[in-house]
Amino acid sequence: MRAIFFGGGTPSLLSPDQIRRIGERIRYHFDLSQVEEYSFEIEVKSLTPEKAEAMREAGVTHPRFGLQTFQSEWRAMFDLTATLEQVHAAT
């Protein structure tokens, strides 16, 4: 296994403790020594410093923000509700 993608359904809605427990279970069941990328999908409005730390502890190497676009007209069309200020604060 070279990559883990934890996403779909916005897992950043989980609590920091839940994120840690999932990370523990993944490490328990899989050999991660060859993993090059461990991605975690994040909805920027739900990100907190505690959740970011829990992701780090779980071994996440690549947070994935559901940004899609910076263009305001496309953001409106796709009903992307996070503001660009929230996106910038999360990165």
C-alpha atoms as a PDB file:
ATOM      1  CA  MET A   1       0.000   0.000   0.000  1.00  0.00           C
ATOM      2  CA  ARG A   2       1.508   3.329  -1.055  1.00  0.00           C
ATOM      3  CA  ALA A   3      -1.337   5.754  -0.350  1.00  0.00           C
ATOM      4  CA  ILE A   4      -4.263   6.242   1.987  1.00  0.00           C
ATOM      5  CA  PHE A   5      -7.123   8.564   1.156  1.00  0.00           C
ATOM      6  CA  PHE A   6      -9.558   9.164   4.001  1.00  0.00           C
ATOM      7  CA  GLY A   7     -12.383  11.124   2.516  1.00  0.00           C
ATOM      8  CA  GLY A   8     -15.915  11.264   1.252  1.00  0.00           C
ATOM      9  CA  GLY A   9     -18.487  12.512   3.704  1.00  0.00           C
ATOM     10  CA  THR A  10     -16.079  15.097   5.087  1.00  0.00           C
ATOM     11  CA  PRO A  11     -14.227  13.243   7.847  1.00  0.00           C
ATOM     12  CA  SER A  12     -13.099  16.546   9.375  1.00  0.00           C
ATOM     13  CA  LEU A  13     -16.529  16.673  11.017  1.00  0.00           C
ATOM     14  CA  LEU A  14     -15.224  13.981  13.362  1.00  0.00           C
ATOM     15  CA  SER A  15     -13.926  14.980  16.786  1.00  0.00           C
ATOM     16  CA  PRO A  16     -10.158  15.071  17.446  1.00  0.00           C
ATOM     17  CA  ASP A  17     -10.520  11.910  19.560  1.00  0.00           C
ATOM     18  CA  GLN A  18     -12.343  10.091  16.760  1.00  0.00           C
ATOM     19  CA  ILE A  19      -9.646  11.116  14.278  1.00  0.00           C
ATOM     20  CA  ARG A  20      -6.952   9.775  16.615  1.00  0.00           C
ATOM     21  CA  ARG A  21      -8.816   6.492  17.155  1.00  0.00           C
ATOM     22  CA  ILE A  22      -9.250   5.966  13.415  1.00  0.00           C
ATOM     23  CA  GLY A  23      -5.536   6.647  12.927  1.00  0.00           C
ATOM     24  CA  GLU A  24      -4.701   4.086  15.621  1.00  0.00           C
ATOM     25  CA  ARG A  25      -6.914   1.459  13.974  1.00  0.00           C
ATOM     26  CA  ILE A  26      -5.385   2.081  10.553  1.00  0.00           C
ATOM     27  CA  ARG A  27      -1.866   1.696  12.002  1.00  0.00           C
ATOM     28  CA  TYR A  28      -2.954  -1.448  13.867  1.00  0.00           C
ATOM     29  CA  HIS A  29      -4.389  -3.159  10.785  1.00  0.00           C
ATOM     30  CA  PHE A  30      -1.980  -1.997   8.074  1.00  0.00           C
ATOM     31  CA  ASP A  31       1.760  -1.738   7.587  1.00  0.00           C
ATOM     32  CA  LEU A  32       2.290   1.930   6.799  1.00  0.00           C
ATOM     33  CA  SER A  33       6.047   1.721   6.290  1.00  0.00           C
ATOM     34  CA  GLN A  34       5.702   2.052   2.500  1.00  0.00           C
ATOM     35  CA  VAL A  35       2.950   4.685   2.512  1.00  0.00           C
ATOM     36  CA  GLU A  36       4.038   7.757   0.576  1.00  0.00           C
ATOM     37  CA  GLU A  37       0.876   9.789   1.053  1.00  0.00           C
ATOM     38  CA  TYR A  38      -1.792   9.727   3.754  1.00  0.00           C
ATOM     39  CA  SER A  39      -4.534  12.146   2.717  1.00  0.00           C
ATOM     40  CA  PHE A  40      -7.421  13.400   4.821  1.00  0.00           C
ATOM     41  CA  GLU A  41     -10.362  15.295   3.353  1.00  0.00           C
ATOM     42  CA  ILE A  42     -11.157  18.527   5.188  1.00  0.00           C
ATOM     43  CA  GLU A  43     -14.105  20.876   5.031  1.00  0.00           C
ATOM     44  CA  VAL A  44     -12.389  24.126   5.952  1.00  0.00           C
ATOM     45  CA  LYS A  45     -15.197  25.425   8.160  1.00  0.00           C
ATOM     46  CA  SER A  46     -14.858  22.399  10.439  1.00  0.00           C
ATOM     47  CA  LEU A  47     -11.068  22.547  10.877  1.00  0.00           C
ATOM     48  CA  THR A  48      -9.728  23.437  14.324  1.00  0.00           C
ATOM     49  CA  PRO A  49      -6.171  23.426  15.675  1.00  0.00           C
ATOM     50  CA  GLU A  50      -7.108  20.375  17.779  1.00  0.00           C
ATOM     51  CA  LYS A  51      -8.315  18.466  14.719  1.00  0.00           C
ATOM     52  CA  ALA A  52      -5.192  19.433  12.771  1.00  0.00           C
ATOM     53  CA  GLU A  53      -3.045  18.103  15.621  1.00  0.00           C
ATOM     54  CA  ALA A  54      -5.086  14.877  15.753  1.00  0.00           C
ATOM     55  CA  MET A  55      -4.511  14.412  12.002  1.00  0.00           C
ATOM     56  CA  ARG A  56      -0.789  14.933  12.512  1.00  0.00           C
ATOM     57  CA  GLU A  57      -0.799  12.356  15.318  1.00  0.00           C
ATOM     58  CA  ALA A  58      -2.718   9.937  13.098  1.00  0.00           C
ATOM     59  CA  GLY A  59       0.049  10.218  10.489  1.00  0.00           C
ATOM     60  CA  VAL A  60      -1.725  12.372   7.889  1.00  0.00           C
ATOM     61  CA  THR A  61       0.782  13.843   5.447  1.00  0.00           C
ATOM     62  CA  HIS A  62      -1.569  15.620   3.014  1.00  0.00           C
ATOM     63  CA  PRO A  63      -4.666  17.497   4.155  1.00  0.00           C
ATOM     64  CA  ARG A  64      -7.088  17.851   1.253  1.00  0.00           C
ATOM     65  CA  PHE A  65      -9.291  20.918   1.272  1.00  0.00           C
ATOM     66  CA  GLY A  66     -12.483  20.831  -0.777  1.00  0.00           C
ATOM     67  CA  LEU A  67     -11.612  24.160  -2.344  1.00  0.00           C
ATOM     68  CA  GLN A  68     -12.542  23.432  -5.983  1.00  0.00           C
ATOM     69  CA  THR A  69     -11.984  27.054  -7.112  1.00  0.00           C
ATOM     70  CA  PHE A  70     -11.098  30.586  -5.994  1.00  0.00           C
ATOM     71  CA  GLN A  71     -13.391  32.145  -8.632  1.00  0.00           C
ATOM     72  CA  SER A  72     -16.436  33.703  -6.931  1.00  0.00           C
ATOM     73  CA  GLU A  73     -18.838  32.950  -9.795  1.00  0.00           C
ATOM     74  CA  TRP A  74     -17.902  29.256  -9.772  1.00  0.00           C
ATOM     75  CA  ARG A  75     -18.028  29.123  -5.975  1.00  0.00           C
ATOM     76  CA  ALA A  76     -21.590  30.469  -6.127  1.00  0.00           C
ATOM     77  CA  MET A  77     -22.558  28.039  -8.894  1.00  0.00           C
ATOM     78  CA  PHE A  78     -21.222  25.058  -6.901  1.00  0.00           C
ATOM     79  CA  ASP A  79     -22.758  26.399  -3.662  1.00  0.00           C
ATOM     80  CA  LEU A  80     -19.392  26.345  -1.893  1.00  0.00           C
ATOM     81  CA  THR A  81     -20.191  27.921   1.448  1.00  0.00           C
ATOM     82  CA  ALA A  82     -16.740  28.303   2.981  1.00  0.00           C
ATOM     83  CA  THR A  83     -15.505  31.839   2.501  1.00  0.00           C
ATOM     84  CA  LEU A  84     -12.121  32.469   0.935  1.00  0.00           C
ATOM     85  CA  GLU A  85     -11.077  33.956   4.284  1.00  0.00           C
ATOM     86  CA  GLN A  86     -11.889  30.598   5.918  1.00  0.00           C
ATOM     87  CA  VAL A  87      -9.933  28.781   3.218  1.00  0.00           C
ATOM     88  CA  HIS A  88      -6.880  31.001   3.737  1.00  0.00           C
ATOM     89  CA  ALA A  89      -7.121  30.655   7.538  1.00  0.00           C
ATOM     90  CA  ALA A  90      -7.154  26.855   7.227  1.00  0.00           C
ATOM     91  CA  THR A  91      -4.031  26.677   5.089  1.00  0.00           C
END
